[in-house]
All heavy atoms as atom14 arrays in JSON, in Angstrom:
{
  "sequence": "FNNGDYVLVSRLPLILGMVKKNSILVFKSAEYGILIKKVSDIDRLK",
  "atom14_mask": [
    [1, 1, 1, 1, 1, 1, 1, 1, 1, 1, 1, 0, 0, 0],
    [1, 1, 1, 1, 1, 1, 1, 1, 0, 0, 0, 0, 0, 0],
    [1, 1, 1, 1, 1, 1, 1, 1, 0, 0, 0, 0, 0, 0],
    [1, 1, 1, 1, 0, 0, 0, 0, 0, 0, 0, 0, 0, 0],
    [1, 1, 1, 1, 1, 1, 1, 1, 0, 0, 0, 0, 0, 0],
    [1, 1, 1, 1, 1, 1, 1, 1, 1, 1, 1, 1, 0, 0],
    [1, 1, 1, 1, 1, 1, 1, 0, 0, 0, 0, 0, 0, 0],
    [1, 1, 1, 1, 1, 1, 1, 1, 0, 0, 0, 0, 0, 0],
    [1, 1, 1, 1, 1, 1, 1, 0, 0, 0, 0, 0, 0, 0],
    [1, 1, 1, 1, 1, 1, 0, 0, 0, 0, 0, 0, 0, 0],
    [1, 1, 1, 1, 1, 1, 1, 1, 1, 1, 1, 0, 0, 0],
    [1, 1, 1, 1, 1, 1, 1, 1, 0, 0, 0, 0, 0, 0],
    [1, 1, 1, 1, 1, 1, 1, 0, 0, 0, 0, 0, 0, 0],
    [1, 1, 1, 1, 1, 1, 1, 1, 0, 0, 0, 0, 0, 0],
    [1, 1, 1, 1, 1, 1, 1, 1, 0, 0, 0, 0, 0, 0],
    [1, 1, 1, 1, 1, 1, 1, 1, 0, 0, 0, 0, 0, 0],
    [1, 1, 1, 1, 0, 0, 0, 0, 0, 0, 0, 0, 0, 0],
    [1, 1, 1, 1, 1, 1, 1, 1, 0, 0, 0, 0, 0, 0],
    [1, 1, 1, 1, 1, 1, 1, 0, 0, 0, 0, 0, 0, 0],
    [1, 1, 1, 1, 1, 1, 1, 1, 1, 0, 0, 0, 0, 0],
    [1, 1, 1, 1, 1, 1, 1, 1, 1, 0, 0, 0, 0, 0],
    [1, 1, 1, 1, 1, 1, 1, 1, 0, 0, 0, 0, 0, 0],
    [1, 1, 1, 1, 1, 1, 0, 0, 0, 0, 0, 0, 0, 0],
    [1, 1, 1, 1, 1, 1, 1, 1, 0, 0, 0, 0, 0, 0],
    [1, 1, 1, 1, 1, 1, 1, 1, 0, 0, 0, 0, 0, 0],
    [1, 1, 1, 1, 1, 1, 1, 0, 0, 0, 0, 0, 0, 0],
    [1, 1, 1, 1, 1, 1, 1, 1, 1, 1, 1, 0, 0, 0],
    [1, 1, 1, 1, 1, 1, 1, 1, 1, 0, 0, 0, 0, 0],
    [1, 1, 1, 1, 1, 1, 0, 0, 0, 0, 0, 0, 0, 0],
    [1, 1, 1, 1, 1, 0, 0, 0, 0, 0, 0, 0, 0, 0],
    [1, 1, 1, 1, 1, 1, 1, 1, 1, 0, 0, 0, 0, 0],
    [1, 1, 1, 1, 1, 1, 1, 1, 1, 1, 1, 1, 0, 0],
    [1, 1, 1, 1, 0, 0, 0, 0, 0, 0, 0, 0, 0, 0],
    [1, 1, 1, 1, 1, 1, 1, 1, 0, 0, 0, 0, 0, 0],
    [1, 1, 1, 1, 1, 1, 1, 1, 0, 0, 0, 0, 0, 0],
    [1, 1, 1, 1, 1, 1, 1, 1, 0, 0, 0, 0, 0, 0],
    [1, 1, 1, 1, 1, 1, 1, 1, 1, 0, 0, 0, 0, 0],
    [1, 1, 1, 1, 1, 1, 1, 1, 1, 0, 0, 0, 0, 0],
    [1, 1, 1, 1, 1, 1, 1, 0, 0, 0, 0, 0, 0, 0],
    [1, 1, 1, 1, 1, 1, 0, 0, 0, 0, 0, 0, 0, 0],
    [1, 1, 1, 1, 1, 1, 1, 1, 0, 0, 0, 0, 0, 0],
    [1, 1, 1, 1, 1, 1, 1, 1, 0, 0, 0, 0, 0, 0],
    [1, 1, 1, 1, 1, 1, 1, 1, 0, 0, 0, 0, 0, 0],
    [1, 1, 1, 1, 1, 1, 1, 1, 1, 1, 1, 0, 0, 0],
    [1, 1, 1, 1, 1, 1, 1, 1, 0, 0, 0, 0, 0, 0],
    [1, 1, 1, 1, 1, 1, 1, 1, 1, 0, 0, 0, 0, 0]
  ],
  "atom14_positions": [
    [[24.43, 121.03, -23.24], [24.49, 120.29, -24.51], [25.67, 120.85, -25.28], [25.75, 122.06, -25.49], [23.21, 120.47, -25.32], [21.98, 119.98, -24.63], [21.27, 120.8, -23.77], [21.52, 118.69, -24.84], [20.14, 120.36, -23.12], [20.38, 118.23, -24.2], [19.7, 119.06, -23.33], [0.0, 0.0, 0.0], [0.0, 0.0, 0.0], [0.0, 0.0, 0.0]],
    [[26.57, 119.98, -25.72], [27.79, 120.43, -26.38], [27.85, 119.95, -27.82], [27.19, 118.97, -28.2], [29.02, 119.93, -25.62], [29.08, 120.53, -24.24], [29.23, 121.73, -24.08], [28.94, 119.7, -23.21], [0.0, 0.0, 0.0], [0.0, 0.0, 0.0], [0.0, 0.0, 0.0], [0.0, 0.0, 0.0], [0.0, 0.0, 0.0], [0.0, 0.0, 0.0]],
    [[28.65, 120.65, -28.62], [28.86, 120.29, -30.02], [29.25, 118.82, -30.12], [30.16, 118.37, -29.44], [29.96, 121.18, -30.61], [30.06, 121.05, -32.1], [29.06, 121.15, -32.8], [31.25, 120.82, -32.59], [0.0, 0.0, 0.0], [0.0, 0.0, 0.0], [0.0, 0.0, 0.0], [0.0, 0.0, 0.0], [0.0, 0.0, 0.0], [0.0, 0.0, 0.0]],
    [[28.54, 118.07, -30.96], [28.83, 116.65, -31.14], [28.0, 115.72, -30.27], [28.01, 114.51, -30.47], [0.0, 0.0, 0.0], [0.0, 0.0, 0.0], [0.0, 0.0, 0.0], [0.0, 0.0, 0.0], [0.0, 0.0, 0.0], [0.0, 0.0, 0.0], [0.0, 0.0, 0.0], [0.0, 0.0, 0.0], [0.0, 0.0, 0.0], [0.0, 0.0, 0.0]],
    [[27.28, 116.26, -29.29], [26.36, 115.44, -28.48], [25.19, 115.01, -29.36], [24.94, 115.58, -30.43], [25.82, 116.23, -27.29], [26.85, 116.49, -26.2], [27.99, 116.01, -26.32], [26.5, 117.21, -25.25], [0.0, 0.0, 0.0], [0.0, 0.0, 0.0], [0.0, 0.0, 0.0], [0.0, 0.0, 0.0], [0.0, 0.0, 0.0], [0.0, 0.0, 0.0]],
    [[24.42, 114.05, -28.89], [23.22, 113.6, -29.58], [22.03, 113.72, -28.64], [22.18, 113.56, -27.42], [23.36, 112.14, -30.04], [24.36, 111.96, -31.15], [25.71, 111.74, -30.86], [23.97, 112.03, -32.48], [26.64, 111.58, -31.86], [24.9, 111.87, -33.5], [26.23, 111.65, -33.19], [27.16, 111.49, -34.18], [0.0, 0.0, 0.0], [0.0, 0.0, 0.0]],
    [[20.86, 113.98, -29.21], [19.63, 114.03, -28.42], [18.57, 113.19, -29.11], [18.51, 113.11, -30.34], [19.11, 115.48, -28.22], [20.04, 116.25, -27.31], [18.93, 116.2, -29.54], [0.0, 0.0, 0.0], [0.0, 0.0, 0.0], [0.0, 0.0, 0.0], [0.0, 0.0, 0.0], [0.0, 0.0, 0.0], [0.0, 0.0, 0.0], [0.0, 0.0, 0.0]],
    [[17.75, 112.54, -28.31], [16.59, 111.81, -28.79], [15.39, 112.72, -28.58], [15.15, 113.18, -27.45], [16.4, 110.5, -28.0], [15.16, 109.68, -28.36], [15.27, 109.12, -29.77], [14.95, 108.57, -27.34], [0.0, 0.0, 0.0], [0.0, 0.0, 0.0], [0.0, 0.0, 0.0], [0.0, 0.0, 0.0], [0.0, 0.0, 0.0], [0.0, 0.0, 0.0]],
    [[14.67, 113.02, -29.64], [13.53, 113.93, -29.56], [12.25, 113.24, -30.02], [12.3, 112.29, -30.81], [13.75, 115.23, -30.37], [14.95, 115.98, -29.86], [13.87, 114.96, -31.84], [0.0, 0.0, 0.0], [0.0, 0.0, 0.0], [0.0, 0.0, 0.0], [0.0, 0.0, 0.0], [0.0, 0.0, 0.0], [0.0, 0.0, 0.0], [0.0, 0.0, 0.0]],
    [[11.14, 113.74, -29.53], [9.83, 113.22, -29.91], [8.81, 114.35, -29.9], [8.9, 115.27, -29.08], [9.38, 112.14, -28.92], [8.06, 111.73, -29.2], [0.0, 0.0, 0.0], [0.0, 0.0, 0.0], [0.0, 0.0, 0.0], [0.0, 0.0, 0.0], [0.0, 0.0, 0.0], [0.0, 0.0, 0.0], [0.0, 0.0, 0.0], [0.0, 0.0, 0.0]],
    [[7.82, 114.28, -30.78], [6.72, 115.25, -30.8], [5.65, 114.89, -29.77], [4.76, 115.68, -29.51], [6.1, 115.31, -32.19], [6.94, 116.1, -33.17], [6.23, 116.37, -34.47], [4.99, 117.09, -34.38], [4.86, 118.42, -34.31], [5.95, 119.16, -34.31], [3.69, 118.99, -34.25], [0.0, 0.0, 0.0], [0.0, 0.0, 0.0], [0.0, 0.0, 0.0]],
    [[5.73, 113.7, -29.21], [4.7, 113.24, -28.27], [4.44, 114.23, -27.12], [3.28, 114.55, -26.85], [5.06, 111.85, -27.74], [3.96, 111.1, -27.03], [2.73, 110.93, -27.92], [4.45, 109.74, -26.58], [0.0, 0.0, 0.0], [0.0, 0.0, 0.0], [0.0, 0.0, 0.0], [0.0, 0.0, 0.0], [0.0, 0.0, 0.0], [0.0, 0.0, 0.0]],
    [[5.47, 114.76, -26.43], [5.18, 115.74, -25.37], [4.44, 116.98, -25.89], [3.59, 117.53, -25.19], [6.57, 116.11, -24.84], [7.41, 114.92, -25.15], [6.9, 114.43, -26.47], [0.0, 0.0, 0.0], [0.0, 0.0, 0.0], [0.0, 0.0, 0.0], [0.0, 0.0, 0.0], [0.0, 0.0, 0.0], [0.0, 0.0, 0.0], [0.0, 0.0, 0.0]],
    [[4.73, 117.37, -27.12], [4.04, 118.51, -27.73], [2.57, 118.17, -27.98], [1.67, 118.94, -27.65], [4.74, 118.89, -29.04], [4.26, 120.14, -29.73], [4.63, 121.38, -28.92], [4.86, 120.23, -31.12], [0.0, 0.0, 0.0], [0.0, 0.0, 0.0], [0.0, 0.0, 0.0], [0.0, 0.0, 0.0], [0.0, 0.0, 0.0], [0.0, 0.0, 0.0]],
    [[2.33, 117.0, -28.53], [0.97, 116.53, -28.82], [0.15, 116.41, -27.54], [-1.03, 116.75, -27.52], [1.02, 115.19, -29.59], [1.63, 115.4, -30.98], [-0.35, 114.56, -29.69], [2.02, 114.13, -31.7], [0.0, 0.0, 0.0], [0.0, 0.0, 0.0], [0.0, 0.0, 0.0], [0.0, 0.0, 0.0], [0.0, 0.0, 0.0], [0.0, 0.0, 0.0]],
    [[0.78, 115.94, -26.48], [0.08, 115.73, -25.2], [0.0, 116.99, -24.34], [-0.55, 116.95, -23.24], [0.75, 114.61, -24.41], [0.73, 113.23, -25.07], [1.53, 112.23, -24.24], [-0.71, 112.74, -25.26], [0.0, 0.0, 0.0], [0.0, 0.0, 0.0], [0.0, 0.0, 0.0], [0.0, 0.0, 0.0], [0.0, 0.0, 0.0], [0.0, 0.0, 0.0]],
    [[0.55, 118.1, -24.83], [0.5, 119.35, -24.08], [1.42, 119.37, -22.87], [1.17, 120.1, -21.91], [0.0, 0.0, 0.0], [0.0, 0.0, 0.0], [0.0, 0.0, 0.0], [0.0, 0.0, 0.0], [0.0, 0.0, 0.0], [0.0, 0.0, 0.0], [0.0, 0.0, 0.0], [0.0, 0.0, 0.0], [0.0, 0.0, 0.0], [0.0, 0.0, 0.0]],
    [[2.5, 118.59, -22.91], [3.41, 118.49, -21.77], [4.57, 119.48, -21.84], [5.35, 119.57, -20.9], [3.95, 117.06, -21.67], [2.87, 116.02, -21.42], [3.43, 114.33, -21.63], [4.78, 114.23, -20.48], [0.0, 0.0, 0.0], [0.0, 0.0, 0.0], [0.0, 0.0, 0.0], [0.0, 0.0, 0.0], [0.0, 0.0, 0.0], [0.0, 0.0, 0.0]],
    [[4.69, 120.21, -22.95], [5.78, 121.18, -23.09], [5.45, 122.41, -22.26], [4.34, 122.93, -22.31], [5.99, 121.57, -24.57], [7.0, 122.68, -24.69], [6.42, 120.36, -25.38], [0.0, 0.0, 0.0], [0.0, 0.0, 0.0], [0.0, 0.0, 0.0], [0.0, 0.0, 0.0], [0.0, 0.0, 0.0], [0.0, 0.0, 0.0], [0.0, 0.0, 0.0]],
    [[6.42, 122.85, -21.47], [6.22, 124.03, -20.62], [7.48, 124.87, -20.63], [8.47, 124.52, -21.29], [5.85, 123.6, -19.21], [6.85, 122.67, -18.57], [6.35, 122.12, -17.27], [7.38, 121.14, -16.76], [6.93, 120.31, -15.71], [0.0, 0.0, 0.0], [0.0, 0.0, 0.0], [0.0, 0.0, 0.0], [0.0, 0.0, 0.0], [0.0, 0.0, 0.0]],
    [[7.45, 125.97, -19.94], [8.61, 126.85, -19.83], [9.81, 126.04, -19.32], [9.66, 125.2, -18.43], [8.3, 128.01, -18.89], [9.34, 129.07, -18.86], [8.9, 130.26, -18.04], [9.98, 131.31, -18.04], [9.59, 132.51, -17.33], [0.0, 0.0, 0.0], [0.0, 0.0, 0.0], [0.0, 0.0, 0.0], [0.0, 0.0, 0.0], [0.0, 0.0, 0.0]],
    [[10.97, 126.28, -19.9], [12.23, 125.61, -19.59], [12.38, 124.22, -20.22], [13.42, 123.59, -20.04], [12.51, 125.55, -18.08], [12.72, 126.93, -17.5], [13.34, 127.78, -18.12], [12.19, 127.17, -16.32], [0.0, 0.0, 0.0], [0.0, 0.0, 0.0], [0.0, 0.0, 0.0], [0.0, 0.0, 0.0], [0.0, 0.0, 0.0], [0.0, 0.0, 0.0]],
    [[11.36, 123.73, -20.94], [11.54, 122.49, -21.71], [12.57, 122.75, -22.79], [12.73, 123.88, -23.26], [10.22, 122.08, -22.37], [9.25, 121.72, -21.43], [0.0, 0.0, 0.0], [0.0, 0.0, 0.0], [0.0, 0.0, 0.0], [0.0, 0.0, 0.0], [0.0, 0.0, 0.0], [0.0, 0.0, 0.0], [0.0, 0.0, 0.0], [0.0, 0.0, 0.0]],
    [[13.29, 121.71, -23.19], [14.27, 121.83, -24.26], [13.66, 121.24, -25.53], [13.26, 120.08, -25.54], [15.59, 121.1, -23.92], [16.15, 121.57, -22.58], [16.6, 121.26, -25.04], [16.59, 123.01, -22.54], [0.0, 0.0, 0.0], [0.0, 0.0, 0.0], [0.0, 0.0, 0.0], [0.0, 0.0, 0.0], [0.0, 0.0, 0.0], [0.0, 0.0, 0.0]],
    [[13.57, 122.08, -26.58], [12.98, 121.65, -27.84], [13.97, 121.81, -28.99], [14.88, 122.63, -28.93], [11.73, 122.48, -28.16], [10.58, 122.45, -27.16], [9.41, 123.28, -27.69], [10.12, 121.04, -26.88], [0.0, 0.0, 0.0], [0.0, 0.0, 0.0], [0.0, 0.0, 0.0], [0.0, 0.0, 0.0], [0.0, 0.0, 0.0], [0.0, 0.0, 0.0]],
    [[13.74, 121.03, -30.02], [14.46, 121.16, -31.28], [13.43, 121.65, -32.29], [12.32, 121.13, -32.35], [15.09, 119.82, -31.72], [15.75, 119.96, -33.08], [16.09, 119.33, -30.68], [0.0, 0.0, 0.0], [0.0, 0.0, 0.0], [0.0, 0.0, 0.0], [0.0, 0.0, 0.0], [0.0, 0.0, 0.0], [0.0, 0.0, 0.0], [0.0, 0.0, 0.0]],
    [[13.8, 122.67, -33.08], [12.85, 123.25, -34.02], [13.57, 123.78, -35.25], [14.79, 123.92, -35.26], [12.05, 124.37, -33.35], [12.89, 125.48, -32.81], [13.14, 126.62, -33.56], [13.45, 125.4, -31.53], [13.92, 127.64, -33.07], [14.23, 126.43, -31.03], [14.48, 127.56, -31.8], [0.0, 0.0, 0.0], [0.0, 0.0, 0.0], [0.0, 0.0, 0.0]],
    [[12.77, 124.07, -36.28], [13.3, 124.63, -37.52], [13.07, 126.13, -37.52], [11.96, 126.6, -37.29], [12.6, 124.03, -38.73], [12.85, 122.57, -38.92], [12.05, 122.05, -40.1], [12.11, 120.54, -40.16], [11.22, 120.0, -41.19], [0.0, 0.0, 0.0], [0.0, 0.0, 0.0], [0.0, 0.0, 0.0], [0.0, 0.0, 0.0], [0.0, 0.0, 0.0]],
    [[14.12, 126.87, -37.81], [14.05, 128.32, -37.96], [14.34, 128.65, -39.42], [15.31, 128.14, -39.99], [15.09, 129.0, -37.06], [15.31, 130.33, -37.46], [0.0, 0.0, 0.0], [0.0, 0.0, 0.0], [0.0, 0.0, 0.0], [0.0, 0.0, 0.0], [0.0, 0.0, 0.0], [0.0, 0.0, 0.0], [0.0, 0.0, 0.0], [0.0, 0.0, 0.0]],
    [[13.49, 129.48, -40.03], [13.7, 129.85, -41.43], [15.07, 130.51, -41.63], [15.72, 130.32, -42.65], [12.58, 130.77, -41.89], [0.0, 0.0, 0.0], [0.0, 0.0, 0.0], [0.0, 0.0, 0.0], [0.0, 0.0, 0.0], [0.0, 0.0, 0.0], [0.0, 0.0, 0.0], [0.0, 0.0, 0.0], [0.0, 0.0, 0.0], [0.0, 0.0, 0.0]],
    [[15.5, 131.27, -40.65], [16.75, 132.02, -40.78], [17.99, 131.25, -40.31], [19.07, 131.38, -40.88], [16.66, 133.32, -39.98], [17.81, 134.26, -40.23], [17.6, 135.63, -39.63], [16.47, 135.97, -39.24], [18.58, 136.37, -39.55], [0.0, 0.0, 0.0], [0.0, 0.0, 0.0], [0.0, 0.0, 0.0], [0.0, 0.0, 0.0], [0.0, 0.0, 0.0]],
    [[17.84, 130.41, -39.28], [19.0, 129.79, -38.65], [19.08, 128.27, -38.82], [20.03, 127.65, -38.36], [19.05, 130.13, -37.16], [19.12, 131.62, -36.91], [18.01, 132.32, -36.44], [20.29, 132.33, -37.17], [18.07, 133.69, -36.21], [20.36, 133.7, -36.95], [19.24, 134.37, -36.47], [19.3, 135.73, -36.26], [0.0, 0.0, 0.0], [0.0, 0.0, 0.0]],
    [[18.1, 127.65, -39.43], [18.11, 126.2, -39.61], [17.57, 125.48, -38.38], [16.72, 126.01, -37.67], [0.0, 0.0, 0.0], [0.0, 0.0, 0.0], [0.0, 0.0, 0.0], [0.0, 0.0, 0.0], [0.0, 0.0, 0.0], [0.0, 0.0, 0.0], [0.0, 0.0, 0.0], [0.0, 0.0, 0.0], [0.0, 0.0, 0.0], [0.0, 0.0, 0.0]],
    [[18.07, 124.3, -38.12], [17.61, 123.5, -36.97], [18.35, 123.95, -35.72], [19.58, 124.0, -35.7], [17.8, 122.0, -37.23], [16.9, 121.56, -38.39], [17.47, 121.19, -35.97], [17.05, 120.11, -38.79], [0.0, 0.0, 0.0], [0.0, 0.0, 0.0], [0.0, 0.0, 0.0], [0.0, 0.0, 0.0], [0.0, 0.0, 0.0], [0.0, 0.0, 0.0]],
    [[17.57, 124.27, -34.69], [18.13, 124.77, -33.43], [17.63, 123.94, -32.25], [16.55, 123.36, -32.31], [17.71, 126.23, -33.2], [18.19, 127.25, -34.22], [17.55, 128.61, -33.94], [19.7, 127.37, -34.2], [0.0, 0.0, 0.0], [0.0, 0.0, 0.0], [0.0, 0.0, 0.0], [0.0, 0.0, 0.0], [0.0, 0.0, 0.0], [0.0, 0.0, 0.0]],
    [[18.42, 123.9, -31.2], [18.01, 123.33, -29.92], [18.08, 124.45, -28.9], [19.12, 125.1, -28.76], [18.9, 122.12, -29.52], [18.47, 121.57, -28.16], [20.36, 122.48, -29.53], [19.16, 120.27, -27.77], [0.0, 0.0, 0.0], [0.0, 0.0, 0.0], [0.0, 0.0, 0.0], [0.0, 0.0, 0.0], [0.0, 0.0, 0.0], [0.0, 0.0, 0.0]],
    [[16.96, 124.71, -28.23], [16.88, 125.82, -27.29], [15.93, 125.49, -26.15], [15.12, 124.57, -26.23], [16.38, 127.1, -27.97], [17.23, 127.59, -29.11], [18.51, 128.2, -28.64], [19.34, 128.66, -29.82], [20.71, 128.78, -29.51], [0.0, 0.0, 0.0], [0.0, 0.0, 0.0], [0.0, 0.0, 0.0], [0.0, 0.0, 0.0], [0.0, 0.0, 0.0]],
    [[16.0, 126.33, -25.13], [15.12, 126.23, -23.96], [13.91, 127.13, -24.19], [14.04, 128.27, -24.63], [15.88, 126.65, -22.71], [15.07, 126.57, -21.44], [15.91, 126.74, -20.19], [16.7, 128.01, -20.19], [17.3, 128.3, -18.88], [0.0, 0.0, 0.0], [0.0, 0.0, 0.0], [0.0, 0.0, 0.0], [0.0, 0.0, 0.0], [0.0, 0.0, 0.0]],
    [[12.71, 126.62, -23.88], [11.48, 127.4, -24.01], [11.48, 128.51, -22.96], [11.63, 128.25, -21.77], [10.22, 126.52, -23.83], [8.96, 127.35, -23.86], [10.17, 125.43, -24.89], [0.0, 0.0, 0.0], [0.0, 0.0, 0.0], [0.0, 0.0, 0.0], [0.0, 0.0, 0.0], [0.0, 0.0, 0.0], [0.0, 0.0, 0.0], [0.0, 0.0, 0.0]],
    [[11.31, 129.76, -23.41], [11.24, 130.88, -22.47], [9.8, 131.34, -22.25], [9.49, 131.91, -21.22], [12.1, 132.06, -22.95], [11.63, 132.56, -24.17], [0.0, 0.0, 0.0], [0.0, 0.0, 0.0], [0.0, 0.0, 0.0], [0.0, 0.0, 0.0], [0.0, 0.0, 0.0], [0.0, 0.0, 0.0], [0.0, 0.0, 0.0], [0.0, 0.0, 0.0]],
    [[8.91, 131.06, -23.22], [7.51, 131.45, -23.09], [6.7, 130.72, -24.17], [7.23, 130.35, -25.21], [7.36, 132.96, -23.26], [6.06, 133.49, -22.7], [5.36, 132.76, -21.98], [5.73, 134.65, -23.01], [0.0, 0.0, 0.0], [0.0, 0.0, 0.0], [0.0, 0.0, 0.0], [0.0, 0.0, 0.0], [0.0, 0.0, 0.0], [0.0, 0.0, 0.0]],
    [[5.4, 130.55, -23.9], [4.51, 129.9, -24.85], [3.21, 130.71, -24.93], [2.62, 131.04, -23.91], [4.15, 128.45, -24.42], [5.42, 127.61, -24.23], [3.21, 127.81, -25.43], [5.17, 126.26, -23.59], [0.0, 0.0, 0.0], [0.0, 0.0, 0.0], [0.0, 0.0, 0.0], [0.0, 0.0, 0.0], [0.0, 0.0, 0.0], [0.0, 0.0, 0.0]],
    [[2.79, 131.0, -26.15], [1.48, 131.6, -26.39], [0.61, 130.47, -26.91], [0.59, 130.16, -28.1], [1.57, 132.73, -27.42], [0.24, 133.41, -27.68], [-0.83, 132.78, -27.42], [0.24, 134.55, -28.15], [0.0, 0.0, 0.0], [0.0, 0.0, 0.0], [0.0, 0.0, 0.0], [0.0, 0.0, 0.0], [0.0, 0.0, 0.0], [0.0, 0.0, 0.0]],
    [[-0.09, 129.81, -26.0], [-0.87, 128.62, -26.36], [-2.05, 128.95, -27.28], [-2.45, 128.13, -28.09], [-1.34, 127.9, -25.11], [-0.16, 127.35, -24.31], [-0.56, 126.3, -23.31], [0.56, 125.92, -22.46], [1.46, 125.0, -22.77], [1.4, 124.38, -23.91], [2.43, 124.71, -21.93], [0.0, 0.0, 0.0], [0.0, 0.0, 0.0], [0.0, 0.0, 0.0]],
    [[-2.6, 130.15, -27.18], [-3.72, 130.53, -28.04], [-3.3, 130.61, -29.51], [-4.04, 130.2, -30.4], [-4.32, 131.87, -27.6], [-5.01, 131.88, -26.24], [-5.46, 133.29, -25.87], [-6.2, 130.93, -26.24], [0.0, 0.0, 0.0], [0.0, 0.0, 0.0], [0.0, 0.0, 0.0], [0.0, 0.0, 0.0], [0.0, 0.0, 0.0], [0.0, 0.0, 0.0]],
    [[-2.11, 131.13, -29.75], [-1.62, 131.27, -31.13], [-0.69, 130.13, -31.54], [-0.27, 130.06, -32.7], [-0.9, 132.6, -31.29], [-1.8, 133.79, -31.13], [-1.04, 135.09, -31.32], [-1.96, 136.27, -31.15], [-1.25, 137.55, -31.34], [0.0, 0.0, 0.0], [0.0, 0.0, 0.0], [0.0, 0.0, 0.0], [0.0, 0.0, 0.0], [0.0, 0.0, 0.0]]
  ]
}
């Protein structure tokens, strides 16, 4: 993914529990703003 590219995102995979390691997500970070990154691990209990 390069600067200036566009991505279509949806919460549906998250709601359906389809997100797993290596999925690419967009999220809000209090310190860094909106980021796009690869999932390295998930603590489903928390």
